[in-house]
Amino acid sequence: MSQKKNKIQEICRRKPSQWLMALLLPFVLVGGYFCPRLGFTVLVLITFFLILSSKKGRFYCGWFCPMGAFHERILSYISLKKDILPVFKSSWFRWLLFSMMMGLMCFRLFAAWGDPKEIGAVFRMMWIISMGMAIGLGLYFKPRVWCSICPMGSLQGISSRNTYLLTVGEGCKQCGICRKVCPIQTYPGAFKDEGRVPSIECLRCSNCIMNCPQKILSFQNPAAM
């Protein structure tokens, strides 16, 4: 099968899944106003994707995250697409944001404990806060800049540290094409000496693999390397 045909099939699989998941946003954000218990959908998604990340890493961020799908398929049309600042790729900033978001959520959950409606409203509120920050950043920077610092994405990256990694084979020319097509501006060529990209830095969207002129990028589990 030709590389072009493979690329077309990959795109045809990913785009429908993203559009489908993007529909969850109005369902939870708007529907949750009338039925706060819909906020538990957020908890279900977080738990489900976190468990599955142990098998394929942040693959579910790249293919099925409702927020990521919205940013990539809709927000991208009006985004200025400026380069992502280095601070958004730094570990300290990721975990600072994670601590702040988790602290706020735990505080609100403690106050709402015992009332299912209020608990559901807390999860909906956290999604609204995340969505607001993500849209604000995505309008100026690359649409999926939030994925670089997303607390849940960070957790998935840690839980899948040695799972389904993007590997860089011999022959990398560091042409930079992979960096240009990556939704979160990761540059696999910078990791050619290590031979693999850190799990937290990759959404497993396959954009770089499909566009690499040297065809030396692939996903592998460490046991098979």
C-alpha atoms as a PDB file:
ATOM      1  CA  MET A   1       0.000   0.000   0.000  1.00  0.00           C
ATOM      2  CA  SER A   2       1.406   3.397  -0.939  1.00  0.00           C
ATOM      3  CA  GLN A   3       2.412   5.979   1.649  1.00  0.00           C
ATOM      4  CA  LYS A   4      -0.123   8.403   0.169  1.00  0.00           C
ATOM      5  CA  LYS A   5      -2.945   5.886   0.598  1.00  0.00           C
ATOM      6  CA  ASN A   6      -1.863   5.199   4.180  1.00  0.00           C
ATOM      7  CA  LYS A   7      -1.913   8.920   4.895  1.00  0.00           C
ATOM      8  CA  ILE A   8      -5.408   9.344   3.462  1.00  0.00           C
ATOM      9  CA  GLN A   9      -6.728   6.398   5.487  1.00  0.00           C
ATOM     10  CA  GLU A  10      -5.173   7.775   8.686  1.00  0.00           C
ATOM     11  CA  ILE A  11      -6.774  11.182   8.161  1.00  0.00           C
ATOM     12  CA  CYS A  12     -10.140   9.606   7.317  1.00  0.00           C
ATOM     13  CA  ARG A  13     -10.099   7.690  10.598  1.00  0.00           C
ATOM     14  CA  ARG A  14      -8.963  10.531  12.845  1.00  0.00           C
ATOM     15  CA  LYS A  15     -11.141  13.394  11.597  1.00  0.00           C
ATOM     16  CA  PRO A  16     -14.531  11.673  12.147  1.00  0.00           C
ATOM     17  CA  SER A  17     -13.519  10.573  15.645  1.00  0.00           C
ATOM     18  CA  GLN A  18     -12.516  14.133  16.514  1.00  0.00           C
ATOM     19  CA  TRP A  19     -15.724  15.664  15.188  1.00  0.00           C
ATOM     20  CA  LEU A  20     -17.757  13.115  17.139  1.00  0.00           C
ATOM     21  CA  MET A  21     -15.947  13.883  20.388  1.00  0.00           C
ATOM     22  CA  ALA A  22     -16.190  17.641  19.797  1.00  0.00           C
ATOM     23  CA  LEU A  23     -19.979  17.275  20.015  1.00  0.00           C
ATOM     24  CA  LEU A  24     -19.583  16.362  23.686  1.00  0.00           C
ATOM     25  CA  LEU A  25     -18.576  19.937  24.498  1.00  0.00           C
ATOM     26  CA  PRO A  26     -21.990  21.591  24.009  1.00  0.00           C
ATOM     27  CA  PHE A  27     -23.641  18.471  25.443  1.00  0.00           C
ATOM     28  CA  VAL A  28     -21.797  18.836  28.764  1.00  0.00           C
ATOM     29  CA  LEU A  29     -21.222  22.591  28.931  1.00  0.00           C
ATOM     30  CA  VAL A  30     -24.735  23.642  27.917  1.00  0.00           C
ATOM     31  CA  GLY A  31     -26.668  20.562  28.991  1.00  0.00           C
ATOM     32  CA  GLY A  32     -24.864  20.605  32.334  1.00  0.00           C
ATOM     33  CA  TYR A  33     -26.456  23.954  33.112  1.00  0.00           C
ATOM     34  CA  PHE A  34     -29.880  22.312  33.114  1.00  0.00           C
ATOM     35  CA  CYS A  35     -28.721  18.950  34.450  1.00  0.00           C
ATOM     36  CA  PRO A  36     -25.610  19.366  36.665  1.00  0.00           C
ATOM     37  CA  ARG A  37     -25.163  15.597  36.904  1.00  0.00           C
ATOM     38  CA  LEU A  38     -23.926  15.669  33.292  1.00  0.00           C
ATOM     39  CA  GLY A  39     -20.738  17.046  34.798  1.00  0.00           C
ATOM     40  CA  PHE A  40     -19.913  13.476  35.803  1.00  0.00           C
ATOM     41  CA  THR A  41     -19.260  12.889  32.089  1.00  0.00           C
ATOM     42  CA  VAL A  42     -16.002  14.767  32.619  1.00  0.00           C
ATOM     43  CA  LEU A  43     -14.975  12.420  35.430  1.00  0.00           C
ATOM     44  CA  VAL A  44     -15.873   9.370  33.323  1.00  0.00           C
ATOM     45  CA  LEU A  45     -13.796  10.614  30.376  1.00  0.00           C
ATOM     46  CA  ILE A  46     -10.810  11.457  32.570  1.00  0.00           C
ATOM     47  CA  THR A  47     -10.868   8.054  34.264  1.00  0.00           C
ATOM     48  CA  PHE A  48     -11.441   6.149  31.013  1.00  0.00           C
ATOM     49  CA  PHE A  49      -8.650   7.872  29.095  1.00  0.00           C
ATOM     50  CA  LEU A  50      -6.250   7.645  32.023  1.00  0.00           C
ATOM     51  CA  ILE A  51      -6.721   3.879  32.212  1.00  0.00           C
ATOM     52  CA  LEU A  52      -6.340   3.449  28.459  1.00  0.00           C
ATOM     53  CA  SER A  53      -3.220   5.629  28.394  1.00  0.00           C
ATOM     54  CA  SER A  54      -1.289   2.772  29.995  1.00  0.00           C
ATOM     55  CA  LYS A  55      -1.602   0.990  26.631  1.00  0.00           C
ATOM     56  CA  LYS A  56      -1.128   3.745  24.056  1.00  0.00           C
ATOM     57  CA  GLY A  57       0.015   6.805  25.951  1.00  0.00           C
ATOM     58  CA  ARG A  58      -1.510  10.132  24.925  1.00  0.00           C
ATOM     59  CA  PHE A  59      -3.034   8.556  21.825  1.00  0.00           C
ATOM     60  CA  TYR A  60      -6.432   9.370  23.278  1.00  0.00           C
ATOM     61  CA  CYS A  61      -5.437  13.040  23.640  1.00  0.00           C
ATOM     62  CA  GLY A  62      -4.604  13.186  19.949  1.00  0.00           C
ATOM     63  CA  TRP A  63      -7.632  11.282  18.699  1.00  0.00           C
ATOM     64  CA  PHE A  64     -10.525  11.480  21.172  1.00  0.00           C
ATOM     65  CA  CYS A  65     -10.149  14.445  23.538  1.00  0.00           C
ATOM     66  CA  PRO A  66     -13.265  16.652  23.091  1.00  0.00           C
ATOM     67  CA  MET A  67     -11.372  19.858  23.880  1.00  0.00           C
ATOM     68  CA  GLY A  68      -8.446  18.956  21.659  1.00  0.00           C
ATOM     69  CA  ALA A  69     -10.813  18.064  18.840  1.00  0.00           C
ATOM     70  CA  PHE A  70     -12.597  21.413  19.158  1.00  0.00           C
ATOM     71  CA  HIS A  71      -9.325  23.323  19.058  1.00  0.00           C
ATOM     72  CA  GLU A  72      -7.918  21.426  16.099  1.00  0.00           C
ATOM     73  CA  ARG A  73     -11.064  21.234  13.960  1.00  0.00           C
ATOM     74  CA  ILE A  74     -12.813  24.518  14.781  1.00  0.00           C
ATOM     75  CA  LEU A  75     -10.585  26.984  16.634  1.00  0.00           C
ATOM     76  CA  SER A  76      -7.797  26.482  14.086  1.00  0.00           C
ATOM     77  CA  TYR A  77      -9.770  28.494  11.524  1.00  0.00           C
ATOM     78  CA  ILE A  78      -9.462  31.709  13.533  1.00  0.00           C
ATOM     79  CA  SER A  79      -6.251  31.088  15.490  1.00  0.00           C
ATOM     80  CA  LEU A  80      -3.190  33.255  14.784  1.00  0.00           C
ATOM     81  CA  LYS A  81      -1.099  30.072  15.179  1.00  0.00           C
ATOM     82  CA  LYS A  82       1.903  31.749  16.798  1.00  0.00           C
ATOM     83  CA  ASP A  83       4.694  29.514  18.087  1.00  0.00           C
ATOM     84  CA  ILE A  84       4.177  27.980  21.514  1.00  0.00           C
ATOM     85  CA  LEU A  85       6.373  29.652  24.130  1.00  0.00           C
ATOM     86  CA  PRO A  86       9.064  27.468  25.781  1.00  0.00           C
ATOM     87  CA  VAL A  87       7.502  28.057  29.207  1.00  0.00           C
ATOM     88  CA  PHE A  88       4.458  26.045  28.124  1.00  0.00           C
ATOM     89  CA  LYS A  89       6.737  23.075  27.425  1.00  0.00           C
ATOM     90  CA  SER A  90       8.521  23.229  30.782  1.00  0.00           C
ATOM     91  CA  SER A  91       7.858  20.661  33.509  1.00  0.00           C
ATOM     92  CA  TRP A  92       7.664  23.199  36.331  1.00  0.00           C
ATOM     93  CA  PHE A  93       4.897  25.150  34.596  1.00  0.00           C
ATOM     94  CA  ARG A  94       2.935  21.987  33.806  1.00  0.00           C
ATOM     95  CA  TRP A  95       2.988  20.826  37.398  1.00  0.00           C
ATOM     96  CA  LEU A  96       2.342  24.290  38.815  1.00  0.00           C
ATOM     97  CA  LEU A  97      -0.849  24.479  36.746  1.00  0.00           C
ATOM     98  CA  PHE A  98      -1.703  20.897  37.674  1.00  0.00           C
ATOM     99  CA  SER A  99      -1.358  21.678  41.392  1.00  0.00           C
ATOM    100  CA  MET A 100      -3.482  24.822  41.127  1.00  0.00           C
ATOM    101  CA  MET A 101      -6.251  23.121  39.138  1.00  0.00           C
ATOM    102  CA  MET A 102      -6.350  20.038  41.361  1.00  0.00           C
ATOM    103  CA  GLY A 103      -6.274  22.205  44.483  1.00  0.00           C
ATOM    104  CA  LEU A 104      -9.254  24.223  43.269  1.00  0.00           C
ATOM    105  CA  MET A 105     -11.179  21.103  42.282  1.00  0.00           C
ATOM    106  CA  CYS A 106     -10.557  19.343  45.603  1.00  0.00           C
ATOM    107  CA  PHE A 107     -11.583  22.454  47.537  1.00  0.00           C
ATOM    108  CA  ARG A 108     -14.853  22.736  45.616  1.00  0.00           C
ATOM    109  CA  LEU A 109     -15.532  18.988  45.868  1.00  0.00           C
ATOM    110  CA  PHE A 110     -15.042  19.128  49.627  1.00  0.00           C
ATOM    111  CA  ALA A 111     -17.590  21.946  49.848  1.00  0.00           C
ATOM    112  CA  ALA A 112     -20.061  20.080  47.610  1.00  0.00           C
ATOM    113  CA  TRP A 113     -19.607  16.628  49.146  1.00  0.00           C
ATOM    114  CA  GLY A 114     -22.847  14.728  49.644  1.00  0.00           C
ATOM    115  CA  ASP A 115     -24.800  16.533  46.939  1.00  0.00           C
ATOM    116  CA  PRO A 116     -24.569  14.776  43.523  1.00  0.00           C
ATOM    117  CA  LYS A 117     -25.855  17.847  41.692  1.00  0.00           C
ATOM    118  CA  GLU A 118     -23.235  20.103  43.233  1.00  0.00           C
ATOM    119  CA  ILE A 119     -20.465  17.570  42.629  1.00  0.00           C
ATOM    120  CA  GLY A 120     -21.466  17.294  38.974  1.00  0.00           C
ATOM    121  CA  ALA A 121     -21.476  21.093  38.781  1.00  0.00           C
ATOM    122  CA  VAL A 122     -17.891  21.160  40.084  1.00  0.00           C
ATOM    123  CA  PHE A 123     -16.649  18.938  37.250  1.00  0.00           C
ATOM    124  CA  ARG A 124     -18.546  21.046  34.732  1.00  0.00           C
ATOM    125  CA  MET A 125     -17.032  24.197  36.241  1.00  0.00           C
ATOM    126  CA  MET A 126     -13.505  22.778  35.946  1.00  0.00           C
ATOM    127  CA  TRP A 127     -14.119  21.984  32.288  1.00  0.00           C
ATOM    128  CA  ILE A 128     -15.413  25.518  31.690  1.00  0.00           C
ATOM    129  CA  ILE A 129     -12.314  26.997  33.342  1.00  0.00           C
ATOM    130  CA  SER A 130     -10.033  24.751  31.289  1.00  0.00           C
ATOM    131  CA  MET A 131     -11.937  25.530  28.108  1.00  0.00           C
ATOM    132  CA  GLY A 132     -11.743  29.258  28.747  1.00  0.00           C
ATOM    133  CA  MET A 133      -7.975  29.187  29.241  1.00  0.00           C
ATOM    134  CA  ALA A 134      -7.502  26.840  26.291  1.00  0.00           C
ATOM    135  CA  ILE A 135      -9.486  29.033  23.898  1.00  0.00           C
ATOM    136  CA  GLY A 136      -7.734  32.176  25.101  1.00  0.00           C
ATOM    137  CA  LEU A 137      -4.307  30.653  24.488  1.00  0.00           C
ATOM    138  CA  GLY A 138      -5.371  28.872  21.295  1.00  0.00           C
ATOM    139  CA  LEU A 139      -6.596  32.055  19.644  1.00  0.00           C
ATOM    140  CA  TYR A 140      -3.069  33.474  19.703  1.00  0.00           C
ATOM    141  CA  PHE A 141      -0.756  30.476  19.846  1.00  0.00           C
ATOM    142  CA  LYS A 142      -1.183  27.187  18.001  1.00  0.00           C
ATOM    143  CA  PRO A 143      -4.753  25.914  18.565  1.00  0.00           C
ATOM    144  CA  ARG A 144      -3.685  22.941  20.686  1.00  0.00           C
ATOM    145  CA  VAL A 145      -1.250  24.853  22.908  1.00  0.00           C
ATOM    146  CA  TRP A 146      -3.367  23.825  25.910  1.00  0.00           C
ATOM    147  CA  CYS A 147      -2.410  20.202  25.277  1.00  0.00           C
ATOM    148  CA  SER A 148       1.171  21.119  26.223  1.00  0.00           C
ATOM    149  CA  ILE A 149       0.098  22.031  29.759  1.00  0.00           C
ATOM    150  CA  CYS A 150      -3.201  20.166  30.187  1.00  0.00           C
ATOM    151  CA  PRO A 151      -3.268  18.594  33.685  1.00  0.00           C
ATOM    152  CA  MET A 152      -4.955  15.421  32.444  1.00  0.00           C
ATOM    153  CA  GLY A 153      -2.555  15.168  29.519  1.00  0.00           C
ATOM    154  CA  SER A 154       0.336  15.446  31.960  1.00  0.00           C
ATOM    155  CA  LEU A 155      -1.091  12.587  34.020  1.00  0.00           C
ATOM    156  CA  GLN A 156      -1.511  10.450  30.904  1.00  0.00           C
ATOM    157  CA  GLY A 157       2.060  11.191  29.882  1.00  0.00           C
ATOM    158  CA  ILE A 158       3.384  10.078  33.264  1.00  0.00           C
ATOM    159  CA  SER A 159       1.241   6.933  33.421  1.00  0.00           C
ATOM    160  CA  SER A 160       2.480   5.912  29.954  1.00  0.00           C
ATOM    161  CA  ARG A 161       6.131   6.888  30.309  1.00  0.00           C
ATOM    162  CA  ASN A 162       7.329   3.690  28.627  1.00  0.00           C
ATOM    163  CA  THR A 163       4.356   2.878  26.418  1.00  0.00           C
ATOM    164  CA  TYR A 164       3.826   3.298  22.677  1.00  0.00           C
ATOM    165  CA  LEU A 165       6.633   5.810  22.225  1.00  0.00           C
ATOM    166  CA  LEU A 166       7.461   7.830  19.133  1.00  0.00           C
ATOM    167  CA  THR A 167      10.862   6.575  18.040  1.00  0.00           C
ATOM    168  CA  VAL A 168      13.399   8.358  15.851  1.00  0.00           C
ATOM    169  CA  GLY A 169      15.376   6.000  13.627  1.00  0.00           C
ATOM    170  CA  GLU A 170      18.751   6.507  11.988  1.00  0.00           C
ATOM    171  CA  GLY A 171      18.925   8.939   9.116  1.00  0.00           C
ATOM    172  CA  CYS A 172      17.171  11.939  10.682  1.00  0.00           C
ATOM    173  CA  LYS A 173      18.230  15.099   8.811  1.00  0.00           C
ATOM    174  CA  GLN A 174      16.606  17.428  11.365  1.00  0.00           C
ATOM    175  CA  CYS A 175      14.706  19.134   8.544  1.00  0.00           C
ATOM    176  CA  GLY A 176      12.084  20.448  10.975  1.00  0.00           C
ATOM    177  CA  ILE A 177       9.026  19.271   9.041  1.00  0.00           C
ATOM    178  CA  CYS A 178       7.897  17.167  12.009  1.00  0.00           C
ATOM    179  CA  ARG A 179       7.935  20.227  14.248  1.00  0.00           C
ATOM    180  CA  LYS A 180       5.809  22.214  11.797  1.00  0.00           C
ATOM    181  CA  VAL A 181       3.063  19.590  11.577  1.00  0.00           C
ATOM    182  CA  CYS A 182       2.984  18.710  15.288  1.00  0.00           C
ATOM    183  CA  PRO A 183      -0.105  20.171  17.040  1.00  0.00           C
ATOM    184  CA  ILE A 184       1.959  20.932  20.156  1.00  0.00           C
ATOM    185  CA  GLN A 185       5.164  21.871  18.344  1.00  0.00           C
ATOM    186  CA  THR A 186       7.211  18.895  19.515  1.00  0.00           C
ATOM    187  CA  TYR A 187      10.405  18.390  17.498  1.00  0.00           C
ATOM    188  CA  PRO A 188      11.235  14.657  17.241  1.00  0.00           C
ATOM    189  CA  GLY A 189      14.508  15.516  15.489  1.00  0.00           C
ATOM    190  CA  ALA A 190      15.790  17.007  18.739  1.00  0.00           C
ATOM    191  CA  PHE A 191      15.584  13.536  20.308  1.00  0.00           C
ATOM    192  CA  LYS A 192      17.435  11.626  17.601  1.00  0.00           C
ATOM    193  CA  ASP A 193      20.334  10.819  19.959  1.00  0.00           C
ATOM    194  CA  GLU A 194      17.974   9.347  22.566  1.00  0.00           C
ATOM    195  CA  GLY A 195      16.033   7.560  19.829  1.00  0.00           C
ATOM    196  CA  ARG A 196      12.631   8.286  21.361  1.00  0.00           C
ATOM    197  CA  VAL A 197      10.394  11.215  22.245  1.00  0.00           C
ATOM    198  CA  PRO A 198       9.238  11.534  25.889  1.00  0.00           C
ATOM    199  CA  SER A 199       5.684  10.255  26.253  1.00  0.00           C
ATOM    200  CA  ILE A 200       4.358  13.513  27.676  1.00  0.00           C
ATOM    201  CA  GLU A 201       5.558  15.423  24.588  1.00  0.00           C
ATOM    202  CA  CYS A 202       3.602  13.354  22.046  1.00  0.00           C
ATOM    203  CA  LEU A 203      -0.138  13.193  21.274  1.00  0.00           C
ATOM    204  CA  ARG A 204       0.286  10.130  18.999  1.00  0.00           C
ATOM    205  CA  CYS A 205      -1.595  11.926  16.224  1.00  0.00           C
ATOM    206  CA  SER A 206       0.773  10.473  13.568  1.00  0.00           C
ATOM    207  CA  ASN A 207       1.180  13.803  11.734  1.00  0.00           C
ATOM    208  CA  CYS A 208       4.968  13.657  11.932  1.00  0.00           C
ATOM    209  CA  ILE A 209       5.100  10.020  10.821  1.00  0.00           C
ATOM    210  CA  MET A 210       2.959  10.720   7.767  1.00  0.00           C
ATOM    211  CA  ASN A 211       5.002  13.789   6.779  1.00  0.00           C
ATOM    212  CA  CYS A 212       8.563  12.642   7.538  1.00  0.00           C
ATOM    213  CA  PRO A 213      10.486  12.641   4.215  1.00  0.00           C
ATOM    214  CA  GLN A 214      13.003  10.113   5.580  1.00  0.00           C
ATOM    215  CA  LYS A 215      10.314   7.726   6.901  1.00  0.00           C
ATOM    216  CA  ILE A 216      12.272   7.079  10.094  1.00  0.00           C
ATOM    217  CA  LEU A 217       9.571   7.872  12.657  1.00  0.00           C
ATOM    218  CA  SER A 218       7.342   5.181  14.155  1.00  0.00           C
ATOM    219  CA  PHE A 219       5.522   4.136  17.318  1.00  0.00           C
ATOM    220  CA  GLN A 220       6.991   1.280  19.329  1.00  0.00           C
ATOM    221  CA  ASN A 221       6.850  -0.168  22.808  1.00  0.00           C
ATOM    222  CA  PRO A 222      10.251  -0.250  24.567  1.00  0.00           C
ATOM    223  CA  ALA A 223      10.084  -4.049  24.847  1.00  0.00           C
ATOM    224  CA  ALA A 224      10.065  -4.268  21.046  1.00  0.00           C
ATOM    225  CA  MET A 225      12.943  -1.831  20.559  1.00  0.00           C
END
